[in-house]
Amino acid sequence: TYYVYILASQRNGTLYIGVTSDLIRRTYEHREGLIRGFTKRYGVKTLIYFELFEDVHAAIHRETRMKKFTRARKLELIGSRNPQWHDLASSL
């Protein structure tokens, strides 16, 4: 099982899109600042969107496509499944 996920610094804030095989672990790593780089630097910690895939290549392809979306399209995608921008990590 693979996940494409979006994290945010706050509602309508900085966004990060990634792919992982362990969403719980990866979310924890981002939250605790264990991953150096973009998410740590910009405080991107809240899981606001994710999709599930059985094939790693499909997940990577989706991640690549989503990263090319305009910001408006990314916000529309988030709003379609999580209009209140709730932190989804607690439901995992």
PDB file of N, CA and C in Angstrom:
ATOM      1  N   THR A   1       0.839  -1.179   0.000  1.00  0.00           N
ATOM      2  CA  THR A   1       0.000   0.000   0.000  1.00  0.00           C
ATOM      3  C   THR A   1       0.886   1.245   0.000  1.00  0.00           C
ATOM      4  N   TYR A   2       0.533   2.197  -0.825  1.00  0.00           N
ATOM      5  CA  TYR A   2       1.296   3.441  -0.951  1.00  0.00           C
ATOM      6  C   TYR A   2       0.326   4.615  -0.862  1.00  0.00           C
ATOM      7  N   TYR A   3       0.836   5.720  -0.414  1.00  0.00           N
ATOM      8  CA  TYR A   3       0.021   6.914  -0.217  1.00  0.00           C
ATOM      9  C   TYR A   3       0.677   8.118  -0.888  1.00  0.00           C
ATOM     10  N   VAL A   4      -0.135   8.934  -1.529  1.00  0.00           N
ATOM     11  CA  VAL A   4       0.266  10.275  -1.945  1.00  0.00           C
ATOM     12  C   VAL A   4      -0.448  11.196  -0.967  1.00  0.00           C
ATOM     13  N   TYR A   5       0.284  12.109  -0.380  1.00  0.00           N
ATOM     14  CA  TYR A   5      -0.290  12.925   0.688  1.00  0.00           C
ATOM     15  C   TYR A   5       0.068  14.392   0.525  1.00  0.00           C
ATOM     16  N   ILE A   6      -0.763  15.219   1.131  1.00  0.00           N
ATOM     17  CA  ILE A   6      -0.506  16.662   1.163  1.00  0.00           C
ATOM     18  C   ILE A   6      -0.485  17.096   2.618  1.00  0.00           C
ATOM     19  N   LEU A   7       0.556  17.820   2.979  1.00  0.00           N
ATOM     20  CA  LEU A   7       0.685  18.444   4.294  1.00  0.00           C
ATOM     21  C   LEU A   7       0.565  19.953   4.114  1.00  0.00           C
ATOM     22  N   ALA A   8       0.141  20.636   5.165  1.00  0.00           N
ATOM     23  CA  ALA A   8       0.037  22.099   5.131  1.00  0.00           C
ATOM     24  C   ALA A   8       0.596  22.688   6.416  1.00  0.00           C
ATOM     25  N   SER A   9       1.077  23.910   6.314  1.00  0.00           N
ATOM     26  CA  SER A   9       1.561  24.624   7.499  1.00  0.00           C
ATOM     27  C   SER A   9       0.377  25.167   8.304  1.00  0.00           C
ATOM     28  N   GLN A  10      -0.697  25.515   7.610  1.00  0.00           N
ATOM     29  CA  GLN A  10      -1.933  26.029   8.199  1.00  0.00           C
ATOM     30  C   GLN A  10      -2.962  26.080   7.078  1.00  0.00           C
ATOM     31  N   ARG A  11      -4.176  26.424   7.387  1.00  0.00           N
ATOM     32  CA  ARG A  11      -5.201  26.531   6.351  1.00  0.00           C
ATOM     33  C   ARG A  11      -4.759  27.551   5.300  1.00  0.00           C
ATOM     34  N   ASN A  12      -4.794  27.146   4.054  1.00  0.00           N
ATOM     35  CA  ASN A  12      -4.354  27.965   2.917  1.00  0.00           C
ATOM     36  C   ASN A  12      -2.891  28.391   3.014  1.00  0.00           C
ATOM     37  N   GLY A  13      -2.104  27.647   3.796  1.00  0.00           N
ATOM     38  CA  GLY A  13      -0.690  27.965   3.964  1.00  0.00           C
ATOM     39  C   GLY A  13       0.191  27.214   2.976  1.00  0.00           C
ATOM     40  N   THR A  14       1.425  27.038   3.366  1.00  0.00           N
ATOM     41  CA  THR A  14       2.394  26.330   2.543  1.00  0.00           C
ATOM     42  C   THR A  14       2.008  24.865   2.432  1.00  0.00           C
ATOM     43  N   LEU A  15       2.115  24.312   1.213  1.00  0.00           N
ATOM     44  CA  LEU A  15       1.741  22.928   0.958  1.00  0.00           C
ATOM     45  C   LEU A  15       2.962  22.091   0.595  1.00  0.00           C
ATOM     46  N   TYR A  16       2.884  20.810   0.923  1.00  0.00           N
ATOM     47  CA  TYR A  16       3.916  19.842   0.550  1.00  0.00           C
ATOM     48  C   TYR A  16       3.231  18.575   0.073  1.00  0.00           C
ATOM     49  N   ILE A  17       3.679  18.033  -1.037  1.00  0.00           N
ATOM     50  CA  ILE A  17       3.131  16.787  -1.576  1.00  0.00           C
ATOM     51  C   ILE A  17       4.232  15.741  -1.559  1.00  0.00           C
ATOM     52  N   GLY A  18       3.902  14.546  -1.039  1.00  0.00           N
ATOM     53  CA  GLY A  18       4.874  13.467  -0.977  1.00  0.00           C
ATOM     54  C   GLY A  18       4.226  12.119  -1.217  1.00  0.00           C
ATOM     55  N   VAL A  19       5.065  11.078  -1.254  1.00  0.00           N
ATOM     56  CA  VAL A  19       4.601   9.704  -1.415  1.00  0.00           C
ATOM     57  C   VAL A  19       5.319   8.839  -0.387  1.00  0.00           C
ATOM     58  N   THR A  20       4.613   7.849   0.163  1.00  0.00           N
ATOM     59  CA  THR A  20       5.203   6.984   1.186  1.00  0.00           C
ATOM     60  C   THR A  20       4.462   5.654   1.231  1.00  0.00           C
ATOM     61  N   SER A  21       5.108   4.666   1.815  1.00  0.00           N
ATOM     62  CA  SER A  21       4.441   3.382   2.042  1.00  0.00           C
ATOM     63  C   SER A  21       3.938   3.280   3.484  1.00  0.00           C
ATOM     64  N   ASP A  22       4.308   4.226   4.326  1.00  0.00           N
ATOM     65  CA  ASP A  22       3.887   4.220   5.727  1.00  0.00           C
ATOM     66  C   ASP A  22       3.472   5.631   6.129  1.00  0.00           C
ATOM     67  N   LEU A  23       2.213   5.936   5.924  1.00  0.00           N
ATOM     68  CA  LEU A  23       1.721   7.300   6.138  1.00  0.00           C
ATOM     69  C   LEU A  23       1.796   7.725   7.602  1.00  0.00           C
ATOM     70  N   ILE A  24       1.528   6.808   8.511  1.00  0.00           N
ATOM     71  CA  ILE A  24       1.584   7.153   9.939  1.00  0.00           C
ATOM     72  C   ILE A  24       3.002   7.539  10.339  1.00  0.00           C
ATOM     73  N   ARG A  25       3.975   6.719   9.958  1.00  0.00           N
ATOM     74  CA  ARG A  25       5.373   7.005  10.291  1.00  0.00           C
ATOM     75  C   ARG A  25       5.833   8.307   9.648  1.00  0.00           C
ATOM     76  N   ARG A  26       5.504   8.467   8.371  1.00  0.00           N
ATOM     77  CA  ARG A  26       5.971   9.640   7.640  1.00  0.00           C
ATOM     78  C   ARG A  26       5.362  10.926   8.211  1.00  0.00           C
ATOM     79  N   THR A  27       4.097  10.880   8.545  1.00  0.00           N
ATOM     80  CA  THR A  27       3.448  12.045   9.151  1.00  0.00           C
ATOM     81  C   THR A  27       4.108  12.391  10.482  1.00  0.00           C
ATOM     82  N   TYR A  28       4.395  11.370  11.271  1.00  0.00           N
ATOM     83  CA  TYR A  28       5.078  11.581  12.553  1.00  0.00           C
ATOM     84  C   TYR A  28       6.442  12.237  12.327  1.00  0.00           C
ATOM     85  N   GLU A  29       7.187  11.750  11.349  1.00  0.00           N
ATOM     86  CA  GLU A  29       8.518  12.321  11.071  1.00  0.00           C
ATOM     87  C   GLU A  29       8.424  13.796  10.692  1.00  0.00           C
ATOM     88  N   HIS A  30       7.449  14.138   9.865  1.00  0.00           N
ATOM     89  CA  HIS A  30       7.260  15.553   9.497  1.00  0.00           C
ATOM     90  C   HIS A  30       6.878  16.376  10.716  1.00  0.00           C
ATOM     91  N   ARG A  31       5.934  15.879  11.519  1.00  0.00           N
ATOM     92  CA  ARG A  31       5.442  16.583  12.698  1.00  0.00           C
ATOM     93  C   ARG A  31       6.541  16.879  13.714  1.00  0.00           C
ATOM     94  N   GLU A  32       7.401  15.906  13.900  1.00  0.00           N
ATOM     95  CA  GLU A  32       8.466  16.034  14.904  1.00  0.00           C
ATOM     96  C   GLU A  32       9.726  16.715  14.365  1.00  0.00           C
ATOM     97  N   GLY A  33       9.713  17.108  13.107  1.00  0.00           N
ATOM     98  CA  GLY A  33      10.870  17.781  12.515  1.00  0.00           C
ATOM     99  C   GLY A  33      12.048  16.855  12.295  1.00  0.00           C
ATOM    100  N   LEU A  34      11.798  15.573  12.121  1.00  0.00           N
ATOM    101  CA  LEU A  34      12.875  14.602  11.933  1.00  0.00           C
ATOM    102  C   LEU A  34      13.411  14.581  10.510  1.00  0.00           C
ATOM    103  N   ILE A  35      12.684  15.205   9.597  1.00  0.00           N
ATOM    104  CA  ILE A  35      13.092  15.247   8.193  1.00  0.00           C
ATOM    105  C   ILE A  35      13.603  16.642   7.891  1.00  0.00           C
ATOM    106  N   ARG A  36      14.866  16.726   7.570  1.00  0.00           N
ATOM    107  CA  ARG A  36      15.456  18.019   7.239  1.00  0.00           C
ATOM    108  C   ARG A  36      14.957  18.473   5.882  1.00  0.00           C
ATOM    109  N   GLY A  37      14.852  19.772   5.713  1.00  0.00           N
ATOM    110  CA  GLY A  37      14.465  20.312   4.419  1.00  0.00           C
ATOM    111  C   GLY A  37      13.213  21.163   4.465  1.00  0.00           C
ATOM    112  N   PHE A  38      12.467  21.100   3.380  1.00  0.00           N
ATOM    113  CA  PHE A  38      11.329  21.989   3.146  1.00  0.00           C
ATOM    114  C   PHE A  38      10.298  21.970   4.270  1.00  0.00           C
ATOM    115  N   THR A  39       9.826  20.787   4.647  1.00  0.00           N
ATOM    116  CA  THR A  39       8.743  20.732   5.635  1.00  0.00           C
ATOM    117  C   THR A  39       9.186  21.241   6.998  1.00  0.00           C
ATOM    118  N   LYS A  40      10.396  20.959   7.374  1.00  0.00           N
ATOM    119  CA  LYS A  40      10.904  21.444   8.657  1.00  0.00           C
ATOM    120  C   LYS A  40      11.106  22.960   8.606  1.00  0.00           C
ATOM    121  N   ARG A  41      11.672  23.426   7.513  1.00  0.00           N
ATOM    122  CA  ARG A  41      11.966  24.856   7.369  1.00  0.00           C
ATOM    123  C   ARG A  41      10.688  25.702   7.379  1.00  0.00           C
ATOM    124  N   TYR A  42       9.615  25.199   6.763  1.00  0.00           N
ATOM    125  CA  TYR A  42       8.390  25.986   6.652  1.00  0.00           C
ATOM    126  C   TYR A  42       7.282  25.551   7.614  1.00  0.00           C
ATOM    127  N   GLY A  43       7.575  24.649   8.519  1.00  0.00           N
ATOM    128  CA  GLY A  43       6.594  24.236   9.519  1.00  0.00           C
ATOM    129  C   GLY A  43       5.384  23.523   8.938  1.00  0.00           C
ATOM    130  N   VAL A  44       5.611  22.728   7.906  1.00  0.00           N
ATOM    131  CA  VAL A  44       4.531  22.012   7.225  1.00  0.00           C
ATOM    132  C   VAL A  44       4.336  20.679   7.942  1.00  0.00           C
ATOM    133  N   LYS A  45       3.252  20.571   8.741  1.00  0.00           N
ATOM    134  CA  LYS A  45       3.094  19.425   9.637  1.00  0.00           C
ATOM    135  C   LYS A  45       1.705  18.790   9.631  1.00  0.00           C
ATOM    136  N   THR A  46       0.718  19.441   9.069  1.00  0.00           N
ATOM    137  CA  THR A  46      -0.662  18.973   9.176  1.00  0.00           C
ATOM    138  C   THR A  46      -1.062  18.163   7.946  1.00  0.00           C
ATOM    139  N   LEU A  47      -1.463  16.916   8.161  1.00  0.00           N
ATOM    140  CA  LEU A  47      -1.921  16.050   7.075  1.00  0.00           C
ATOM    141  C   LEU A  47      -3.341  16.455   6.700  1.00  0.00           C
ATOM    142  N   ILE A  48      -3.504  16.964   5.487  1.00  0.00           N
ATOM    143  CA  ILE A  48      -4.823  17.460   5.094  1.00  0.00           C
ATOM    144  C   ILE A  48      -5.441  16.682   3.935  1.00  0.00           C
ATOM    145  N   TYR A  49      -4.667  15.810   3.292  1.00  0.00           N
ATOM    146  CA  TYR A  49      -5.184  15.065   2.146  1.00  0.00           C
ATOM    147  C   TYR A  49      -4.304  13.856   1.901  1.00  0.00           C
ATOM    148  N   PHE A  50      -4.918  12.746   1.491  1.00  0.00           N
ATOM    149  CA  PHE A  50      -4.135  11.605   1.022  1.00  0.00           C
ATOM    150  C   PHE A  50      -4.962  10.721   0.110  1.00  0.00           C
ATOM    151  N   GLU A  51      -4.265   9.994  -0.745  1.00  0.00           N
ATOM    152  CA  GLU A  51      -4.859   9.008  -1.647  1.00  0.00           C
ATOM    153  C   GLU A  51      -4.106   7.702  -1.467  1.00  0.00           C
ATOM    154  N   LEU A  52      -4.796   6.601  -1.645  1.00  0.00           N
ATOM    155  CA  LEU A  52      -4.258   5.263  -1.451  1.00  0.00           C
ATOM    156  C   LEU A  52      -4.025   4.591  -2.800  1.00  0.00           C
ATOM    157  N   PHE A  53      -2.888   3.892  -2.942  1.00  0.00           N
ATOM    158  CA  PHE A  53      -2.538   3.173  -4.167  1.00  0.00           C
ATOM    159  C   PHE A  53      -1.977   1.807  -3.820  1.00  0.00           C
ATOM    160  N   GLU A  54      -2.234   0.834  -4.677  1.00  0.00           N
ATOM    161  CA  GLU A  54      -1.665  -0.501  -4.511  1.00  0.00           C
ATOM    162  C   GLU A  54      -0.323  -0.630  -5.224  1.00  0.00           C
ATOM    163  N   ASP A  55      -0.095   0.206  -6.216  1.00  0.00           N
ATOM    164  CA  ASP A  55       1.117   0.130  -7.039  1.00  0.00           C
ATOM    165  C   ASP A  55       1.995   1.356  -6.817  1.00  0.00           C
ATOM    166  N   VAL A  56       3.254   1.134  -6.505  1.00  0.00           N
ATOM    167  CA  VAL A  56       4.168   2.245  -6.221  1.00  0.00           C
ATOM    168  C   VAL A  56       4.339   3.155  -7.433  1.00  0.00           C
ATOM    169  N   HIS A  57       4.353   2.585  -8.626  1.00  0.00           N
ATOM    170  CA  HIS A  57       4.539   3.394  -9.832  1.00  0.00           C
ATOM    171  C   HIS A  57       3.334   4.310 -10.058  1.00  0.00           C
ATOM    172  N   ALA A  58       2.150   3.816  -9.775  1.00  0.00           N
ATOM    173  CA  ALA A  58       0.941   4.650  -9.885  1.00  0.00           C
ATOM    174  C   ALA A  58       0.981   5.782  -8.868  1.00  0.00           C
ATOM    175  N   ALA A  59       1.444   5.490  -7.661  1.00  0.00           N
ATOM    176  CA  ALA A  59       1.539   6.519  -6.618  1.00  0.00           C
ATOM    177  C   ALA A  59       2.545   7.600  -7.008  1.00  0.00           C
ATOM    178  N   ILE A  60       3.698   7.182  -7.498  1.00  0.00           N
ATOM    179  CA  ILE A  60       4.722   8.149  -7.905  1.00  0.00           C
ATOM    180  C   ILE A  60       4.231   8.988  -9.077  1.00  0.00           C
ATOM    181  N   HIS A  61       3.546   8.356 -10.008  1.00  0.00           N
ATOM    182  CA  HIS A  61       2.994   9.081 -11.156  1.00  0.00           C
ATOM    183  C   HIS A  61       1.982  10.137 -10.682  1.00  0.00           C
ATOM    184  N   ARG A  62       1.114   9.758  -9.770  1.00  0.00           N
ATOM    185  CA  ARG A  62       0.115  10.700  -9.233  1.00  0.00           C
ATOM    186  C   ARG A  62       0.784  11.849  -8.496  1.00  0.00           C
ATOM    187  N   GLU A  63       1.797  11.529  -7.667  1.00  0.00           N
ATOM    188  CA  GLU A  63       2.533  12.573  -6.953  1.00  0.00           C
ATOM    189  C   GLU A  63       3.129  13.575  -7.938  1.00  0.00           C
ATOM    190  N   THR A  64       3.759  13.072  -8.978  1.00  0.00           N
ATOM    191  CA  THR A  64       4.386  13.931  -9.989  1.00  0.00           C
ATOM    192  C   THR A  64       3.346  14.833 -10.650  1.00  0.00           C
ATOM    193  N   ARG A  65       2.201  14.260 -10.992  1.00  0.00           N
ATOM    194  CA  ARG A  65       1.131  15.059 -11.606  1.00  0.00           C
ATOM    195  C   ARG A  65       0.617  16.119 -10.648  1.00  0.00           C
ATOM    196  N   MET A  66       0.382  15.733  -9.389  1.00  0.00           N
ATOM    197  CA  MET A  66      -0.154  16.687  -8.410  1.00  0.00           C
ATOM    198  C   MET A  66       0.813  17.844  -8.162  1.00  0.00           C
ATOM    199  N   LYS A  67       2.096  17.573  -8.165  1.00  0.00           N
ATOM    200  CA  LYS A  67       3.077  18.641  -7.948  1.00  0.00           C
ATOM    201  C   LYS A  67       3.042  19.675  -9.064  1.00  0.00           C
ATOM    202  N   LYS A  68       2.555  19.278 -10.230  1.00  0.00           N
ATOM    203  CA  LYS A  68       2.462  20.205 -11.362  1.00  0.00           C
ATOM    204  C   LYS A  68       1.151  20.987 -11.375  1.00  0.00           C
ATOM    205  N   PHE A  69       0.202  20.626 -10.515  1.00  0.00           N
ATOM    206  CA  PHE A  69      -1.066  21.355 -10.430  1.00  0.00           C
ATOM    207  C   PHE A  69      -0.800  22.793 -10.018  1.00  0.00           C
ATOM    208  N   THR A  70      -1.661  23.685 -10.463  1.00  0.00           N
ATOM    209  CA  THR A  70      -1.607  25.058  -9.961  1.00  0.00           C
ATOM    210  C   THR A  70      -2.020  25.035  -8.492  1.00  0.00           C
ATOM    211  N   ARG A  71      -1.696  26.080  -7.783  1.00  0.00           N
ATOM    212  CA  ARG A  71      -2.101  26.166  -6.379  1.00  0.00           C
ATOM    213  C   ARG A  71      -3.626  26.097  -6.263  1.00  0.00           C
ATOM    214  N   ALA A  72      -4.321  26.768  -7.157  1.00  0.00           N
ATOM    215  CA  ALA A  72      -5.788  26.755  -7.128  1.00  0.00           C
ATOM    216  C   ALA A  72      -6.318  25.330  -7.277  1.00  0.00           C
ATOM    217  N   ARG A  73      -5.726  24.550  -8.155  1.00  0.00           N
ATOM    218  CA  ARG A  73      -6.159  23.161  -8.356  1.00  0.00           C
ATOM    219  C   ARG A  73      -5.870  22.319  -7.115  1.00  0.00           C
ATOM    220  N   LYS A  74      -4.732  22.545  -6.467  1.00  0.00           N
ATOM    221  CA  LYS A  74      -4.399  21.823  -5.230  1.00  0.00           C
ATOM    222  C   LYS A  74      -5.410  22.165  -4.135  1.00  0.00           C
ATOM    223  N   LEU A  75      -5.744  23.428  -3.999  1.00  0.00           N
ATOM    224  CA  LEU A  75      -6.724  23.849  -2.993  1.00  0.00           C
ATOM    225  C   LEU A  75      -8.101  23.260  -3.285  1.00  0.00           C
ATOM    226  N   GLU A  76      -8.450  23.186  -4.560  1.00  0.00           N
ATOM    227  CA  GLU A  76      -9.718  22.579  -4.965  1.00  0.00           C
ATOM    228  C   GLU A  76      -9.741  21.084  -4.606  1.00  0.00           C
ATOM    229  N   LEU A  77      -8.640  20.412  -4.836  1.00  0.00           N
ATOM    230  CA  LEU A  77      -8.527  18.988  -4.507  1.00  0.00           C
ATOM    231  C   LEU A  77      -8.689  18.770  -3.000  1.00  0.00           C
ATOM    232  N   ILE A  78      -8.004  19.555  -2.205  1.00  0.00           N
ATOM    233  CA  ILE A  78      -8.110  19.459  -0.744  1.00  0.00           C
ATOM    234  C   ILE A  78      -9.550  19.740  -0.314  1.00  0.00           C
ATOM    235  N   GLY A  79     -10.125  20.802  -0.837  1.00  0.00           N
ATOM    236  CA  GLY A  79     -11.483  21.188  -0.477  1.00  0.00           C
ATOM    237  C   GLY A  79     -12.532  20.151  -0.848  1.00  0.00           C
ATOM    238  N   SER A  80     -12.256  19.351  -1.873  1.00  0.00           N
ATOM    239  CA  SER A  80     -13.228  18.345  -2.303  1.00  0.00           C
ATOM    240  C   SER A  80     -13.364  17.209  -1.295  1.00  0.00           C
ATOM    241  N   ARG A  81     -12.314  16.955  -0.513  1.00  0.00           N
ATOM    242  CA  ARG A  81     -12.351  15.859   0.460  1.00  0.00           C
ATOM    243  C   ARG A  81     -12.233  16.315   1.905  1.00  0.00           C
ATOM    244  N   ASN A  82     -11.668  17.484   2.112  1.00  0.00           N
ATOM    245  CA  ASN A  82     -11.437  17.961   3.474  1.00  0.00           C
ATOM    246  C   ASN A  82     -11.670  19.475   3.519  1.00  0.00           C
ATOM    247  N   PRO A  83     -12.915  19.907   3.314  1.00  0.00           N
ATOM    248  CA  PRO A  83     -13.189  21.349   3.215  1.00  0.00           C
ATOM    249  C   PRO A  83     -12.858  22.140   4.477  1.00  0.00           C
ATOM    250  N   GLN A  84     -12.850  21.491   5.626  1.00  0.00           N
ATOM    251  CA  GLN A  84     -12.522  22.189   6.874  1.00  0.00           C
ATOM    252  C   GLN A  84     -11.033  22.130   7.209  1.00  0.00           C
ATOM    253  N   TRP A  85     -10.261  21.451   6.366  1.00  0.00           N
ATOM    254  CA  TRP A  85      -8.813  21.305   6.576  1.00  0.00           C
ATOM    255  C   TRP A  85      -8.506  20.663   7.922  1.00  0.00           C
ATOM    256  N   HIS A  86      -9.283  19.669   8.301  1.00  0.00           N
ATOM    257  CA  HIS A  86      -9.012  18.941   9.535  1.00  0.00           C
ATOM    258  C   HIS A  86      -7.708  18.161   9.401  1.00  0.00           C
ATOM    259  N   ASP A  87      -7.017  17.987  10.513  1.00  0.00           N
ATOM    260  CA  ASP A  87      -5.808  17.172  10.519  1.00  0.00           C
ATOM    261  C   ASP A  87      -6.242  15.701  10.439  1.00  0.00           C
ATOM    262  N   LEU A  88      -5.922  15.048   9.348  1.00  0.00           N
ATOM    263  CA  LEU A  88      -6.349  13.682   9.101  1.00  0.00           C
ATOM    264  C   LEU A  88      -5.486  12.643   9.808  1.00  0.00           C
ATOM    265  N   ALA A  89      -4.372  13.052  10.361  1.00  0.00           N
ATOM    266  CA  ALA A  89      -3.468  12.101  11.025  1.00  0.00           C
ATOM    267  C   ALA A  89      -4.151  11.417  12.202  1.00  0.00           C
ATOM    268  N   SER A  90      -5.030  12.119  12.886  1.00  0.00           N
ATOM    269  CA  SER A  90      -5.690  11.540  14.052  1.00  0.00           C
ATOM    270  C   SER A  90      -6.657  10.427  13.663  1.00  0.00           C
ATOM    271  N   SER A  91      -7.080  10.375  12.404  1.00  0.00           N
ATOM    272  CA  SER A  91      -8.016   9.336  11.956  1.00  0.00           C
ATOM    273  C   SER A  91      -7.308   8.111  11.405  1.00  0.00           C
ATOM    274  N   LEU A  92      -5.988   8.128  11.381  1.00  0.00           N
ATOM    275  CA  LEU A  92      -5.246   6.982  10.817  1.00  0.00           C
ATOM    276  C   LEU A  92      -5.094   5.872  11.837  1.00  0.00           C
TER     277      LEU A  92
END
